[in-house]
């Protein structure tokens, strides 16, 4: 879940999974 929070700050809100991948 923490990973999602980090992406949440980025413009990848629509596709946070992409940042993790």
Protein backbone atom coordinates (compact mmCIF):
# COMPACT_ATOMS: atom_id res chain seq x y z
CA UNK A 1 0.00 0.00 0.00
CA UNK A 2 2.87 2.37 0.77
CA UNK A 3 4.02 2.08 -2.82
CA UNK A 4 0.63 3.30 -4.04
CA UNK A 5 0.85 6.33 -1.76
CA UNK A 6 4.16 7.37 -3.32
CA UNK A 7 2.71 7.09 -6.82
CA UNK A 8 -0.39 8.94 -5.64
CA UNK A 9 1.75 12.08 -5.33
CA UNK A 10 2.87 11.70 -8.95
CA UNK A 11 0.78 12.43 -12.08
CA UNK A 12 0.24 8.67 -12.40
CA UNK A 13 -2.91 8.87 -10.26
CA UNK A 14 -4.90 7.34 -13.11
CA UNK A 15 -2.45 4.43 -13.47
CA UNK A 16 -0.31 4.09 -10.33
CA UNK A 17 0.24 0.44 -11.24
CA UNK A 18 2.39 1.57 -14.19
CA UNK A 19 4.85 3.30 -11.85
CA UNK A 20 5.17 0.15 -9.75
CA UNK A 21 5.58 -2.06 -12.79
